[in-house]
Structures are given as structure tokens and as C-alpha cells.
Protein backbone atom coordinates (compact mmCIF):
# COMPACT_ATOMS: atom_id res chain seq x y z
CA MET A 1 25.54 -0.55 -21.53
CA ARG A 2 27.64 -3.69 -21.49
CA ARG A 3 27.06 -3.87 -17.73
CA LEU A 4 23.34 -4.38 -18.39
CA TRP A 5 23.62 -7.84 -19.94
CA PRO A 6 22.58 -9.56 -16.66
CA PHE A 7 19.35 -7.57 -16.77
CA GLY A 8 18.75 -8.78 -20.32
CA VAL A 9 19.20 -12.39 -19.23
CA VAL A 10 16.86 -12.01 -16.25
CA ALA A 11 14.27 -10.20 -18.40
CA VAL A 12 14.28 -12.95 -21.03
CA VAL A 13 13.87 -15.67 -18.38
CA GLU A 14 11.00 -13.74 -16.82
CA LEU A 15 9.21 -13.28 -20.14
CA ILE A 16 9.64 -16.96 -20.98
CA GLY A 17 8.23 -17.79 -17.56
CA VAL A 18 5.20 -15.58 -18.16
CA ALA A 19 4.63 -16.94 -21.68
CA ALA A 20 4.98 -20.56 -20.50
CA ASP A 21 3.04 -19.87 -17.29
CA SER A 22 5.99 -21.25 -15.33
CA THR A 23 5.81 -20.26 -11.68
CA LEU A 24 9.34 -21.52 -11.11
CA LEU A 25 10.89 -19.32 -13.82
CA GLN A 26 8.95 -16.29 -12.63
CA TRP A 27 10.09 -16.81 -9.04
CA LEU A 28 13.67 -17.19 -10.26
CA ALA A 29 13.66 -14.08 -12.46
CA LYS A 30 11.12 -11.47 -11.38
CA PRO A 31 12.63 -10.74 -7.93
CA LEU A 32 15.98 -10.04 -9.66
CA LEU A 33 14.80 -7.44 -12.18
CA ALA A 34 15.05 -4.37 -9.95
CA PRO A 35 18.11 -5.57 -7.96
CA VAL A 36 20.17 -6.01 -11.14
CA LEU A 37 19.31 -2.46 -12.16
CA LEU A 38 20.08 -1.30 -8.62
CA VAL A 39 23.60 -2.74 -8.90
CA TYR A 40 24.02 -0.96 -12.25
CA LEU A 41 22.81 2.31 -10.74
CA LEU A 42 25.07 2.10 -7.68
CA ARG A 43 28.11 1.27 -9.80
CA ALA A 44 27.41 4.17 -12.13
CA ARG A 45 26.45 6.78 -9.54
CA ARG A 46 28.39 5.47 -6.48
CA ARG A 47 25.73 6.82 -4.16
CA VAL A 48 22.30 5.91 -2.83
CA ASP A 49 19.65 8.28 -4.16
CA PRO A 50 15.83 8.18 -4.24
CA VAL A 51 15.81 6.17 -7.48
CA ALA A 52 17.89 3.49 -5.76
CA VAL A 53 15.41 3.47 -2.87
CA GLY A 54 12.59 3.12 -5.38
CA LEU A 55 14.23 0.05 -6.92
CA VAL A 56 14.55 -1.57 -3.50
CA PHE A 57 10.82 -1.21 -2.87
CA ALA A 58 10.05 -2.32 -6.43
CA THR A 59 11.74 -5.60 -5.52
CA GLY A 60 9.40 -6.00 -2.57
CA GLY A 61 6.43 -5.21 -4.79
CA ASP A 62 7.50 -7.76 -7.39
CA ILE A 63 7.77 -10.48 -4.75
CA ALA A 64 4.40 -9.61 -3.21
CA LEU A 65 2.65 -9.68 -6.59
CA LEU A 66 3.95 -13.18 -7.25
CA LEU A 67 1.63 -14.27 -4.45
CA SER A 68 -2.13 -14.53 -4.75
CA GLY A 69 -4.89 -12.84 -2.78
CA ASP A 70 -6.00 -9.32 -1.92
CA THR A 71 -3.54 -8.98 0.95
CA ALA A 72 -0.56 -9.69 -1.29
CA PHE A 73 -1.96 -7.29 -3.88
CA LEU A 74 -2.25 -4.51 -1.30
CA VAL A 75 1.25 -5.17 0.05
CA GLY A 76 2.60 -5.03 -3.49
CA MET A 77 0.72 -1.81 -4.13
CA GLY A 78 2.14 -0.35 -0.92
CA CYS A 79 5.70 -1.21 -1.95
CA PHE A 80 5.21 0.31 -5.38
CA LEU A 81 3.63 3.38 -3.80
CA VAL A 82 6.95 4.00 -2.05
CA THR A 83 8.69 3.39 -5.40
CA GLN A 84 6.57 6.03 -7.11
CA ILE A 85 7.10 8.56 -4.29
CA ALA A 86 10.86 7.94 -4.35
CA PHE A 87 11.03 8.35 -8.13
CA LEU A 88 8.85 11.46 -7.90
CA ALA A 89 11.13 13.03 -5.29
CA ALA A 90 14.20 12.33 -7.43
CA PHE A 91 12.67 13.74 -10.61
CA LEU A 92 11.35 16.90 -8.93
CA ARG A 93 14.74 17.53 -7.35
CA HIS A 94 16.32 17.22 -10.79
CA ARG A 95 14.08 19.65 -12.67
CA ARG A 96 10.54 21.00 -12.60
CA PRO A 97 8.35 19.16 -15.17
CA PRO A 98 6.36 20.94 -17.89
CA ALA A 99 2.89 22.01 -16.76
CA ALA A 100 1.26 20.52 -19.87
CA GLY A 101 2.46 17.01 -19.01
CA LEU A 102 1.16 17.35 -15.47
CA ILE A 103 -2.27 18.39 -16.71
CA ILE A 104 -2.46 15.52 -19.20
CA TYR A 105 -1.46 12.86 -16.67
CA LEU A 106 -3.83 14.18 -14.02
CA ALA A 107 -6.65 14.16 -16.57
CA LEU A 108 -5.86 10.54 -17.45
CA TRP A 109 -5.79 9.67 -13.74
CA ALA A 110 -9.22 11.21 -13.20
CA VAL A 111 -10.78 9.52 -16.24
CA ALA A 112 -9.33 6.07 -15.44
CA ASN A 113 -10.50 6.16 -11.83
CA LEU A 114 -13.92 7.40 -12.86
CA LEU A 115 -14.36 4.53 -15.33
CA LEU A 116 -13.09 1.86 -12.91
CA TRP A 117 -14.62 3.25 -9.70
CA ARG A 118 -17.58 0.89 -9.40
CA ALA A 119 -15.67 -2.20 -10.48
CA LEU A 120 -12.82 -1.67 -8.00
CA GLY A 121 -15.03 -2.17 -4.94
CA PRO A 122 -12.99 -2.15 -1.68
CA LEU A 123 -9.81 -1.39 -3.65
CA ARG A 124 -11.12 2.03 -4.70
CA LEU A 125 -9.30 4.21 -2.19
CA PRO A 126 -5.96 2.34 -2.30
CA VAL A 127 -6.01 2.44 -6.12
CA LEU A 128 -7.02 6.11 -6.08
CA GLY A 129 -4.03 7.05 -3.93
CA TYR A 130 -1.53 4.80 -5.69
CA SER A 131 -2.58 5.85 -9.16
CA LEU A 132 -2.26 9.52 -8.17
CA ALA A 133 1.35 8.97 -7.06
CA LEU A 134 2.01 6.99 -10.24
CA SER A 135 0.55 9.72 -12.44
CA LEU A 136 2.56 12.43 -10.69
CA MET A 137 5.73 10.35 -11.11
CA ALA A 138 5.07 9.89 -14.82
CA ALA A 139 4.42 13.62 -15.21
CA ALA A 140 7.59 14.53 -13.28
CA ALA A 141 9.62 12.17 -15.46
CA ASN A 142 9.04 14.59 -18.34
CA GLY A 143 11.31 17.06 -16.61
CA VAL A 144 14.30 14.68 -16.57
CA SER A 145 14.76 13.40 -20.13
CA ARG A 146 12.87 11.79 -23.00
CA ARG A 147 14.13 8.36 -21.97
CA VAL A 148 12.94 8.75 -18.38
CA ALA A 149 9.66 10.24 -19.61
CA LEU A 150 9.03 7.20 -21.80
CA GLY A 151 9.85 4.94 -18.87
CA GLY A 152 7.39 6.79 -16.65
CA GLY A 153 4.66 6.47 -19.26
CA LEU A 154 5.28 2.75 -19.69
CA PHE A 155 5.20 2.25 -15.92
CA LEU A 156 1.77 3.86 -15.84
CA LEU A 157 0.59 1.73 -18.77
CA SER A 158 1.83 -1.46 -17.12
CA ASP A 159 0.01 -0.69 -13.87
CA LEU A 160 -3.12 0.31 -15.77
CA LEU A 161 -3.14 -3.16 -17.33
CA ILE A 162 -2.85 -4.67 -13.84
CA GLY A 163 -5.76 -2.51 -12.71
CA LEU A 164 -7.87 -3.71 -15.63
CA ASP A 165 -7.09 -7.29 -14.67
CA ALA A 166 -8.20 -6.58 -11.09
CA VAL A 167 -11.68 -5.77 -12.45
CA ASP A 168 -11.67 -8.78 -14.82
CA LEU A 169 -10.88 -6.80 -17.98
CA ARG A 170 -8.07 -8.69 -19.68
CA ILE A 171 -6.55 -8.06 -23.09
CA PRO A 172 -5.02 -10.86 -25.21
CA GLY A 173 -1.51 -11.58 -24.01
CA HIS A 174 -2.19 -9.64 -20.83
CA GLY A 175 0.63 -11.14 -18.76
CA LEU A 176 3.27 -10.52 -21.40
CA ALA A 177 2.02 -6.99 -22.04
CA VAL A 178 2.26 -6.15 -18.32
CA MET A 179 5.78 -7.51 -17.98
CA ILE A 180 7.15 -6.10 -21.25
CA THR A 181 5.98 -2.60 -20.38
CA TYR A 182 7.19 -2.94 -16.78
CA ILE A 183 10.62 -4.28 -17.73
CA ALA A 184 11.04 -1.54 -20.33
CA ALA A 185 9.92 1.08 -17.80
CA LEU A 186 12.47 0.03 -15.18
CA LEU A 187 15.26 -0.09 -17.76
CA LEU A 188 14.46 3.29 -19.30
CA ILE A 189 14.00 5.03 -15.95
CA THR A 190 17.23 3.66 -14.47
CA THR A 191 19.49 4.19 -17.47
CA GLY A 192 17.89 7.53 -18.29
CA TRP A 193 18.33 8.69 -14.71
CA VAL A 194 22.01 7.72 -14.73
CA ALA A 195 22.60 9.59 -18.00
CA ALA A 196 20.67 12.71 -16.93
CA SER A 197 22.34 12.81 -13.50
CA ASP A 198 25.79 12.45 -15.04
CA ARG A 199 25.08 15.35 -17.42
CA ARG A 200 23.92 17.50 -14.53
CA ASP A 201 26.99 16.63 -12.46
CA ARG A 202 29.35 17.44 -15.33
CA SER A 203 27.56 20.71 -15.95
CA ALA A 204 27.76 21.66 -12.28
CA ALA A 205 31.44 20.73 -12.14
CA GLY A 206 32.15 22.84 -15.22
CA VAL A 207 30.45 25.86 -13.71
CA GLY A 208 32.15 25.43 -10.35
CA HIS A 209 35.65 24.95 -11.71
CA THR A 210 35.85 27.63 -14.38
CA THR A 211 39.35 29.09 -14.48
CA PRO A 212 39.14 32.86 -14.13
CA THR A 213 40.53 34.85 -17.04
CA PRO A 214 43.56 36.91 -15.94
CA ALA A 215 43.18 40.64 -16.18
CA PRO A 216 44.99 42.21 -19.14
CA GLY A 217 48.29 43.82 -18.28
CA PRO A 218 51.60 44.82 -19.79
CA THR A 219 53.39 42.16 -21.79
CA PRO A 220 56.80 41.18 -20.29
CA ASP A 221 59.88 41.90 -22.41
CA GLY A 222 60.69 39.15 -24.86
CA VAL A 223 57.18 37.68 -24.81
CA ARG A 224 54.96 37.88 -27.89
């Protein structure tokens, strides 16, 4: 975990920027959140996997959402759609998620889209598709580990808050709530994925390198 201190620094700068409404600090910090975790992931795993791909596209999404306007919002959503699909592919390859979690997340997806449908206007279909991928990712995260599952849930919560803002429903401290949940989600997903993947690799190596037990036979003279 000592290798994660750069992420802590970047996260603090980003949160200060959001709290102080400093565009400069946010431009300095937000585009670095996912890349710092990507470096951590590549050093730990020494390979490019779907989670690494997801972090690359999360960087693009973060940059796009620093801009204003519907076009930037849609570009950001497109980048994060690839992030969710990449995470989903990684989690499903790791282990099949529990059916109960899938049902719960799909129910939440249906209810949220039903409640926001009229207010979303022309963003309805893009949000419908993106939120489905997000919900499936969060459900699949339950099959990896508790840490990754919590990260998936926080990612969904963070994006739900963004969706509420898009229809002019803001909670107090909205900006900080979005970034705190998002930062925590990225951290939990990345570190949880590294830990779960390492456990799987060690388990596979143990199974594949088991030393066969020699067949019993006569004991040589002089050996007890």
C-alpha cells in the first residue's frame, strides 16, 4: 500500500479543488487519478488486463467531464461506458457473480431510469445504456471480493449523483459527494482486483505445481 501515496496526494488536491471550486486544481489533479492507479496496477500485475484498459478510458472520461456542455458529457459517458464494459469483462472472467446481487442491481437500474425518464429528455437512451452497463459491472463485482464489490457499488452511487445533477436534482455538497464516492470506487476496485487476482494466481500455481507423492515401496537397508 505504500506505493499508493501518490494517489492519496492527487485525491486530496482534487477534493480541495472541488471544495474551493478551483478549476486549476481540478485540472491538475482529476486527470491523474486513474493513471496513478494504472501505474500501481501494472507494477503489481506486470500485465495489461481489462481493468487496466478500464482505467485508461476512465482518464478520458474524467477529462471530458471537466469540460462543459452536452457534447462533453456524452463523450465522458462514452469513455466510462468502455470502462464499465472492461471492468465487467474482467470480473466475469474471474468468477460468476451471485444471482441475488444481479437481480438487486437490475431492479435498481429499472427503478432509477423509470423515475428519471421524463427529466432526462434527449439523454434518455444514452443514460439507459450506460446505466445498464454500470449496474451489470457493480453486480459482477460481487463475484470478485468484498472490496471490489464495495467499489462497484460506490461507482454506481457516484454516477447516480451525476445523473441527478443532470436533471437539476442536487444534494448539499454534491460535488464533494460525487468525487469522494468516485475516488473511493477507483481505489477499492483497483486494489481489490490486484489482491483477488494475486490470490487466484497463487492458487492456480499451487494446483499446477503439486509434487506427486511417491508410491510406497520397500525401505532400503539402513534407512528408518
